[in-house]
Amino acid sequence: MIIDWVDVPEGTIMRGTKLNQIDALVSAYENIERSWLLKEVPRARVDVAAFRISRTPVTWEMWGEWRNEEFPNPTHPVDQISWADANAFCEWAGARLPTELEWERAARGADNREYPWGTAWRDEAANTFEAGNSATVPVGSYPDGASPFGVLDLAGNVDEWTSTVYAPYANAPADVPLVEDWAADPHITRGGSFRQHRDLARCSRRHSVYEPEKGAGFRLATAA
């Protein structure tokens, strides 16, 4: 199996969102609740060690190599995969799932961009609900959505597992939940999918798998 690795250098990330920006964000997007975005608070400067991350999510072709099976749409990203199965695939491939912080570093680079490609929404940059595809598309179909490091599909197509179990950020507002008992799995997902709206494509947006969804997609990571 050939993996197209992207080297992400050691650097600093401005993780999360400032509290005084939350109300404006709620107004800017449709049908979102303030509590969903409070999980991003506070913004903090965090150092991230160098790592490698796959340029695109794992495809059904790659999954088939592990399962010794053939699947339809081999160039599309896997979806509805449980966290345990995603983690097992990573171990088989000699890799691991990215941490939530690594995922945000790969998407955001060193600045405060809203989306992996910049500060303004672009319909041609991500396969979210707004694209109207109603399904996954082959990985790499949205090159205009590349992150500062050239990582693709970090917004839309499939929501992506990380290795990080949900918990509030340090010094989060008191009303941010300590756990999300309503989630189907405690691990954080990032990026949103073709089923979800553009607010999930934001670099700061913390998510999880909620019913009726049963899983997500994922990509590979390793130490540098």
C-alpha atoms as a PDB file:
ATOM      1  CA  MET A   1       0.000   0.000   0.000  1.00  0.00           C
ATOM      2  CA  ILE A   2       1.417   3.358  -1.047  1.00  0.00           C
ATOM      3  CA  ILE A   3       0.751   6.264   1.325  1.00  0.00           C
ATOM      4  CA  ASP A   4       1.274   9.839   0.169  1.00  0.00           C
ATOM      5  CA  TRP A   5       2.766  11.383   3.301  1.00  0.00           C
ATOM      6  CA  VAL A   6       2.923  15.092   4.066  1.00  0.00           C
ATOM      7  CA  ASP A   7       5.592  16.275   6.506  1.00  0.00           C
ATOM      8  CA  VAL A   8       4.243  18.843   8.953  1.00  0.00           C
ATOM      9  CA  PRO A   9       7.112  20.643  10.700  1.00  0.00           C
ATOM     10  CA  GLU A  10       7.321  21.476  14.366  1.00  0.00           C
ATOM     11  CA  GLY A  11       5.480  24.690  14.997  1.00  0.00           C
ATOM     12  CA  THR A  12       2.956  26.716  16.942  1.00  0.00           C
ATOM     13  CA  ILE A  13      -0.784  26.625  16.482  1.00  0.00           C
ATOM     14  CA  MET A  14      -3.391  29.100  17.649  1.00  0.00           C
ATOM     15  CA  ARG A  15      -5.805  26.376  18.695  1.00  0.00           C
ATOM     16  CA  GLY A  16      -9.495  27.014  19.227  1.00  0.00           C
ATOM     17  CA  THR A  17     -11.612  30.171  19.264  1.00  0.00           C
ATOM     18  CA  LYS A  18     -11.849  33.271  21.430  1.00  0.00           C
ATOM     19  CA  LEU A  19     -14.938  33.515  23.628  1.00  0.00           C
ATOM     20  CA  ASN A  20     -15.792  36.969  22.291  1.00  0.00           C
ATOM     21  CA  GLN A  21     -16.038  35.537  18.754  1.00  0.00           C
ATOM     22  CA  ILE A  22     -18.641  32.861  19.517  1.00  0.00           C
ATOM     23  CA  ASP A  23     -21.792  34.970  19.187  1.00  0.00           C
ATOM     24  CA  ALA A  24     -20.698  36.324  15.820  1.00  0.00           C
ATOM     25  CA  LEU A  25     -20.024  32.787  14.594  1.00  0.00           C
ATOM     26  CA  VAL A  26     -23.449  31.601  15.726  1.00  0.00           C
ATOM     27  CA  SER A  27     -24.983  34.454  13.729  1.00  0.00           C
ATOM     28  CA  ALA A  28     -22.859  33.675  10.670  1.00  0.00           C
ATOM     29  CA  TYR A  29     -24.007  30.068  10.288  1.00  0.00           C
ATOM     30  CA  GLU A  30     -27.476  28.580  10.086  1.00  0.00           C
ATOM     31  CA  ASN A  31     -28.990  26.155  12.556  1.00  0.00           C
ATOM     32  CA  ILE A  32     -26.122  25.907  15.011  1.00  0.00           C
ATOM     33  CA  GLU A  33     -26.239  26.301  18.758  1.00  0.00           C
ATOM     34  CA  ARG A  34     -23.897  28.359  20.891  1.00  0.00           C
ATOM     35  CA  SER A  35     -23.066  25.363  23.067  1.00  0.00           C
ATOM     36  CA  TRP A  36     -21.623  23.529  20.083  1.00  0.00           C
ATOM     37  CA  LEU A  37     -19.041  26.244  19.510  1.00  0.00           C
ATOM     38  CA  LEU A  38     -18.219  26.869  23.158  1.00  0.00           C
ATOM     39  CA  LYS A  39     -16.278  23.594  23.053  1.00  0.00           C
ATOM     40  CA  GLU A  40     -13.663  25.491  20.990  1.00  0.00           C
ATOM     41  CA  VAL A  41     -12.999  28.025  23.779  1.00  0.00           C
ATOM     42  CA  PRO A  42     -10.481  29.310  24.758  1.00  0.00           C
ATOM     43  CA  ARG A  43      -8.007  30.071  22.020  1.00  0.00           C
ATOM     44  CA  ALA A  44      -4.508  29.127  23.121  1.00  0.00           C
ATOM     45  CA  ARG A  45      -1.041  29.127  21.635  1.00  0.00           C
ATOM     46  CA  VAL A  46       0.170  25.514  21.604  1.00  0.00           C
ATOM     47  CA  ASP A  47       3.420  23.997  20.380  1.00  0.00           C
ATOM     48  CA  VAL A  48       3.099  20.931  18.158  1.00  0.00           C
ATOM     49  CA  ALA A  49       5.917  18.481  17.472  1.00  0.00           C
ATOM     50  CA  ALA A  50       6.708  17.529  13.882  1.00  0.00           C
ATOM     51  CA  PHE A  51       4.648  14.675  12.436  1.00  0.00           C
ATOM     52  CA  ARG A  52       3.557  13.136   9.156  1.00  0.00           C
ATOM     53  CA  ILE A  53      -0.027  12.870   7.951  1.00  0.00           C
ATOM     54  CA  SER A  54      -1.535  11.264   4.857  1.00  0.00           C
ATOM     55  CA  ARG A  55      -2.432  13.761   2.180  1.00  0.00           C
ATOM     56  CA  THR A  56      -5.917  12.286   1.802  1.00  0.00           C
ATOM     57  CA  PRO A  57      -8.183  10.065   3.902  1.00  0.00           C
ATOM     58  CA  VAL A  58      -8.002   6.282   3.687  1.00  0.00           C
ATOM     59  CA  THR A  59      -9.863   4.977   0.617  1.00  0.00           C
ATOM     60  CA  TRP A  60     -11.952   1.873   0.066  1.00  0.00           C
ATOM     61  CA  GLU A  61      -9.127   0.519  -2.081  1.00  0.00           C
ATOM     62  CA  MET A  62      -6.732   0.791   0.862  1.00  0.00           C
ATOM     63  CA  TRP A  63      -9.348  -0.667   3.192  1.00  0.00           C
ATOM     64  CA  GLY A  64      -9.777  -3.585   0.791  1.00  0.00           C
ATOM     65  CA  GLU A  65      -6.074  -4.394   1.008  1.00  0.00           C
ATOM     66  CA  TRP A  66      -6.502  -4.855   4.744  1.00  0.00           C
ATOM     67  CA  ARG A  67      -9.726  -6.831   4.453  1.00  0.00           C
ATOM     68  CA  ASN A  68      -8.580  -8.739   1.376  1.00  0.00           C
ATOM     69  CA  GLU A  69     -11.791  -7.699  -0.345  1.00  0.00           C
ATOM     70  CA  GLU A  70     -12.893  -5.440  -3.159  1.00  0.00           C
ATOM     71  CA  PHE A  71     -15.287  -2.582  -2.430  1.00  0.00           C
ATOM     72  CA  PRO A  72     -17.290  -0.269  -4.708  1.00  0.00           C
ATOM     73  CA  ASN A  73     -15.953   3.240  -5.288  1.00  0.00           C
ATOM     74  CA  PRO A  74     -12.321   2.324  -4.535  1.00  0.00           C
ATOM     75  CA  THR A  75     -11.056   5.920  -4.808  1.00  0.00           C
ATOM     76  CA  HIS A  76     -13.658   7.305  -2.395  1.00  0.00           C
ATOM     77  CA  PRO A  77     -12.829   7.703   1.294  1.00  0.00           C
ATOM     78  CA  VAL A  78     -14.077   5.064   3.705  1.00  0.00           C
ATOM     79  CA  ASP A  79     -17.049   6.177   5.781  1.00  0.00           C
ATOM     80  CA  GLN A  80     -19.149   4.885   8.672  1.00  0.00           C
ATOM     81  CA  ILE A  81     -16.091   3.096  10.091  1.00  0.00           C
ATOM     82  CA  SER A  82     -15.994   2.571  13.854  1.00  0.00           C
ATOM     83  CA  TRP A  83     -13.165   4.124  15.833  1.00  0.00           C
ATOM     84  CA  ALA A  84     -11.918   0.674  16.852  1.00  0.00           C
ATOM     85  CA  ASP A  85     -11.743  -0.523  13.243  1.00  0.00           C
ATOM     86  CA  ALA A  86     -10.064   2.698  12.110  1.00  0.00           C
ATOM     87  CA  ASN A  87      -7.481   2.314  14.859  1.00  0.00           C
ATOM     88  CA  ALA A  88      -6.907  -1.340  13.925  1.00  0.00           C
ATOM     89  CA  PHE A  89      -6.334  -0.380  10.291  1.00  0.00           C
ATOM     90  CA  CYS A  90      -3.783   2.226  11.347  1.00  0.00           C
ATOM     91  CA  GLU A  91      -1.887  -0.359  13.392  1.00  0.00           C
ATOM     92  CA  TRP A  92      -1.906  -2.759  10.445  1.00  0.00           C
ATOM     93  CA  ALA A  93      -0.517   0.017   8.228  1.00  0.00           C
ATOM     94  CA  GLY A  94       2.254   0.827  10.715  1.00  0.00           C
ATOM     95  CA  ALA A  95       0.725   4.186  11.556  1.00  0.00           C
ATOM     96  CA  ARG A  96      -1.829   5.733  13.926  1.00  0.00           C
ATOM     97  CA  LEU A  97      -4.712   8.162  13.969  1.00  0.00           C
ATOM     98  CA  PRO A  98      -3.734  11.832  14.237  1.00  0.00           C
ATOM     99  CA  THR A  99      -4.373  13.597  17.506  1.00  0.00           C
ATOM    100  CA  GLU A 100      -6.937  16.366  17.494  1.00  0.00           C
ATOM    101  CA  LEU A 101      -4.148  18.915  17.839  1.00  0.00           C
ATOM    102  CA  GLU A 102      -2.193  17.432  14.923  1.00  0.00           C
ATOM    103  CA  TRP A 103      -5.317  17.500  12.788  1.00  0.00           C
ATOM    104  CA  GLU A 104      -5.873  21.187  13.530  1.00  0.00           C
ATOM    105  CA  ARG A 105      -2.204  21.966  12.886  1.00  0.00           C
ATOM    106  CA  ALA A 106      -2.385  20.190   9.507  1.00  0.00           C
ATOM    107  CA  ALA A 107      -5.525  22.159   8.621  1.00  0.00           C
ATOM    108  CA  ARG A 108      -4.669  25.561  10.011  1.00  0.00           C
ATOM    109  CA  GLY A 109      -0.920  25.921   9.722  1.00  0.00           C
ATOM    110  CA  ALA A 110       0.379  28.703  11.956  1.00  0.00           C
ATOM    111  CA  ASP A 111      -2.341  31.321  11.485  1.00  0.00           C
ATOM    112  CA  ASN A 112      -5.971  31.860  12.488  1.00  0.00           C
ATOM    113  CA  ARG A 113      -7.626  30.862   9.220  1.00  0.00           C
ATOM    114  CA  GLU A 114     -11.247  29.802   9.404  1.00  0.00           C
ATOM    115  CA  TYR A 115     -10.953  27.007   6.839  1.00  0.00           C
ATOM    116  CA  PRO A 116      -7.961  24.968   5.628  1.00  0.00           C
ATOM    117  CA  TRP A 117      -7.676  27.152   2.497  1.00  0.00           C
ATOM    118  CA  GLY A 118      -8.146  30.569   4.126  1.00  0.00           C
ATOM    119  CA  THR A 119     -10.549  32.909   5.868  1.00  0.00           C
ATOM    120  CA  ALA A 120     -13.531  32.960   3.485  1.00  0.00           C
ATOM    121  CA  TRP A 121     -15.883  30.154   2.522  1.00  0.00           C
ATOM    122  CA  ARG A 122     -15.505  28.838  -1.059  1.00  0.00           C
ATOM    123  CA  ASP A 123     -18.097  26.478  -2.545  1.00  0.00           C
ATOM    124  CA  GLU A 124     -15.477  24.916  -4.803  1.00  0.00           C
ATOM    125  CA  ALA A 125     -13.176  23.989  -1.915  1.00  0.00           C
ATOM    126  CA  ALA A 126     -15.055  21.259  -0.023  1.00  0.00           C
ATOM    127  CA  ASN A 127     -17.623  18.499  -0.418  1.00  0.00           C
ATOM    128  CA  THR A 128     -20.009  19.640   2.301  1.00  0.00           C
ATOM    129  CA  PHE A 129     -23.818  19.704   2.211  1.00  0.00           C
ATOM    130  CA  GLU A 130     -23.599  22.988   0.296  1.00  0.00           C
ATOM    131  CA  ALA A 131     -21.926  21.203  -2.639  1.00  0.00           C
ATOM    132  CA  GLY A 132     -25.111  19.225  -3.261  1.00  0.00           C
ATOM    133  CA  ASN A 133     -23.330  15.959  -4.084  1.00  0.00           C
ATOM    134  CA  SER A 134     -25.261  13.943  -1.485  1.00  0.00           C
ATOM    135  CA  ALA A 135     -22.421  11.405  -1.414  1.00  0.00           C
ATOM    136  CA  THR A 136     -18.681  11.075  -1.080  1.00  0.00           C
ATOM    137  CA  VAL A 137     -16.458  11.891  -4.043  1.00  0.00           C
ATOM    138  CA  PRO A 138     -12.981  10.542  -4.889  1.00  0.00           C
ATOM    139  CA  VAL A 139     -10.290  11.786  -2.531  1.00  0.00           C
ATOM    140  CA  GLY A 140      -8.430  14.822  -3.817  1.00  0.00           C
ATOM    141  CA  SER A 141     -11.404  16.050  -5.868  1.00  0.00           C
ATOM    142  CA  TYR A 142     -11.209  19.499  -4.251  1.00  0.00           C
ATOM    143  CA  PRO A 143      -7.618  20.713  -4.724  1.00  0.00           C
ATOM    144  CA  ASP A 144      -8.725  24.297  -4.022  1.00  0.00           C
ATOM    145  CA  GLY A 145      -9.352  23.176  -0.448  1.00  0.00           C
ATOM    146  CA  ALA A 146      -5.723  22.294   0.276  1.00  0.00           C
ATOM    147  CA  SER A 147      -4.292  23.347   3.640  1.00  0.00           C
ATOM    148  CA  PRO A 148      -1.074  25.398   4.006  1.00  0.00           C
ATOM    149  CA  PHE A 149       0.903  22.130   3.942  1.00  0.00           C
ATOM    150  CA  GLY A 150      -0.921  20.727   0.932  1.00  0.00           C
ATOM    151  CA  VAL A 151      -3.111  18.315   2.883  1.00  0.00           C
ATOM    152  CA  LEU A 152      -6.387  17.627   1.045  1.00  0.00           C
ATOM    153  CA  ASP A 153      -9.967  16.892   2.093  1.00  0.00           C
ATOM    154  CA  LEU A 154      -9.586  18.214   5.623  1.00  0.00           C
ATOM    155  CA  ALA A 155     -12.969  19.890   5.114  1.00  0.00           C
ATOM    156  CA  GLY A 156     -15.955  17.873   3.958  1.00  0.00           C
ATOM    157  CA  ASN A 157     -16.282  14.532   2.154  1.00  0.00           C
ATOM    158  CA  VAL A 158     -16.056  12.465   5.371  1.00  0.00           C
ATOM    159  CA  ASP A 159     -15.825  13.407   9.011  1.00  0.00           C
ATOM    160  CA  GLU A 160     -12.485  12.132  10.354  1.00  0.00           C
ATOM    161  CA  TRP A 161     -11.598  10.266  13.519  1.00  0.00           C
ATOM    162  CA  THR A 162      -8.792  11.476  15.747  1.00  0.00           C
ATOM    163  CA  SER A 163      -7.117   9.607  18.590  1.00  0.00           C
ATOM    164  CA  THR A 164      -8.278  12.225  21.117  1.00  0.00           C
ATOM    165  CA  VAL A 165     -11.035  11.502  23.610  1.00  0.00           C
ATOM    166  CA  TYR A 166     -13.340  14.488  24.072  1.00  0.00           C
ATOM    167  CA  ALA A 167     -12.711  16.754  27.060  1.00  0.00           C
ATOM    168  CA  PRO A 168     -13.079  20.518  27.501  1.00  0.00           C
ATOM    169  CA  TYR A 169     -10.023  22.601  26.798  1.00  0.00           C
ATOM    170  CA  ALA A 170      -8.204  23.910  29.863  1.00  0.00           C
ATOM    171  CA  ASN A 171      -9.968  27.029  31.212  1.00  0.00           C
ATOM    172  CA  ALA A 172     -13.066  26.364  29.136  1.00  0.00           C
ATOM    173  CA  PRO A 173     -16.314  28.102  30.132  1.00  0.00           C
ATOM    174  CA  ALA A 174     -18.035  26.416  33.065  1.00  0.00           C
ATOM    175  CA  ASP A 175     -21.042  25.354  30.971  1.00  0.00           C
ATOM    176  CA  VAL A 176     -18.973  23.307  28.516  1.00  0.00           C
ATOM    177  CA  PRO A 177     -19.815  19.646  29.256  1.00  0.00           C
ATOM    178  CA  LEU A 178     -17.133  17.468  30.837  1.00  0.00           C
ATOM    179  CA  VAL A 179     -18.305  14.494  28.761  1.00  0.00           C
ATOM    180  CA  GLU A 180     -20.690  14.036  25.850  1.00  0.00           C
ATOM    181  CA  ASP A 181     -22.802  11.093  26.978  1.00  0.00           C
ATOM    182  CA  TRP A 182     -24.980  11.490  23.896  1.00  0.00           C
ATOM    183  CA  ALA A 183     -22.114  10.748  21.492  1.00  0.00           C
ATOM    184  CA  ALA A 184     -21.892   7.303  19.908  1.00  0.00           C
ATOM    185  CA  ASP A 185     -18.148   7.284  20.654  1.00  0.00           C
ATOM    186  CA  PRO A 186     -16.068   9.506  22.962  1.00  0.00           C
ATOM    187  CA  HIS A 187     -13.362  10.297  20.397  1.00  0.00           C
ATOM    188  CA  ILE A 188     -13.284  13.653  18.617  1.00  0.00           C
ATOM    189  CA  THR A 189     -13.921  13.871  14.890  1.00  0.00           C
ATOM    190  CA  ARG A 190     -12.923  16.773  12.681  1.00  0.00           C
ATOM    191  CA  GLY A 191     -13.695  18.285   9.283  1.00  0.00           C
ATOM    192  CA  GLY A 192     -17.332  17.440   8.642  1.00  0.00           C
ATOM    193  CA  SER A 193     -18.729  15.468   5.724  1.00  0.00           C
ATOM    194  CA  PHE A 194     -20.902  15.705   2.627  1.00  0.00           C
ATOM    195  CA  ARG A 195     -23.891  15.320   4.979  1.00  0.00           C
ATOM    196  CA  GLN A 196     -22.940  18.317   7.115  1.00  0.00           C
ATOM    197  CA  HIS A 197     -22.936  22.058   6.638  1.00  0.00           C
ATOM    198  CA  ARG A 198     -19.956  24.364   6.231  1.00  0.00           C
ATOM    199  CA  ASP A 199     -19.682  25.196   9.930  1.00  0.00           C
ATOM    200  CA  LEU A 200     -18.208  21.702  10.400  1.00  0.00           C
ATOM    201  CA  ALA A 201     -15.495  22.577   7.860  1.00  0.00           C
ATOM    202  CA  ARG A 202     -13.998  25.195  10.181  1.00  0.00           C
ATOM    203  CA  CYS A 203     -10.486  24.433  11.446  1.00  0.00           C
ATOM    204  CA  SER A 204     -11.540  24.932  15.081  1.00  0.00           C
ATOM    205  CA  ARG A 205     -14.773  22.918  15.011  1.00  0.00           C
ATOM    206  CA  ARG A 206     -14.812  20.008  17.467  1.00  0.00           C
ATOM    207  CA  HIS A 207     -17.295  17.277  16.712  1.00  0.00           C
ATOM    208  CA  SER A 208     -18.085  13.638  17.482  1.00  0.00           C
ATOM    209  CA  VAL A 209     -20.142  10.863  15.949  1.00  0.00           C
ATOM    210  CA  TYR A 210     -23.771  11.288  16.966  1.00  0.00           C
ATOM    211  CA  GLU A 211     -26.763   9.105  16.141  1.00  0.00           C
ATOM    212  CA  PRO A 212     -27.897   8.112  13.590  1.00  0.00           C
ATOM    213  CA  GLU A 213     -24.313   8.052  12.277  1.00  0.00           C
ATOM    214  CA  LYS A 214     -22.389   4.891  13.147  1.00  0.00           C
ATOM    215  CA  GLY A 215     -18.861   5.917  12.306  1.00  0.00           C
ATOM    216  CA  ALA A 216     -16.614   8.186  10.257  1.00  0.00           C
ATOM    217  CA  GLY A 217     -13.658   8.241   7.910  1.00  0.00           C
ATOM    218  CA  PHE A 218     -10.032   8.761   8.893  1.00  0.00           C
ATOM    219  CA  ARG A 219      -6.489   9.386   7.754  1.00  0.00           C
ATOM    220  CA  LEU A 220      -3.099   8.130   8.873  1.00  0.00           C
ATOM    221  CA  ALA A 221      -0.391   9.814  10.907  1.00  0.00           C
ATOM    222  CA  THR A 222       3.060   8.947  12.251  1.00  0.00           C
ATOM    223  CA  ALA A 223       5.864  10.647  14.098  1.00  0.00           C
ATOM    224  CA  ALA A 224       8.201  12.643  11.847  1.00  0.00           C
END
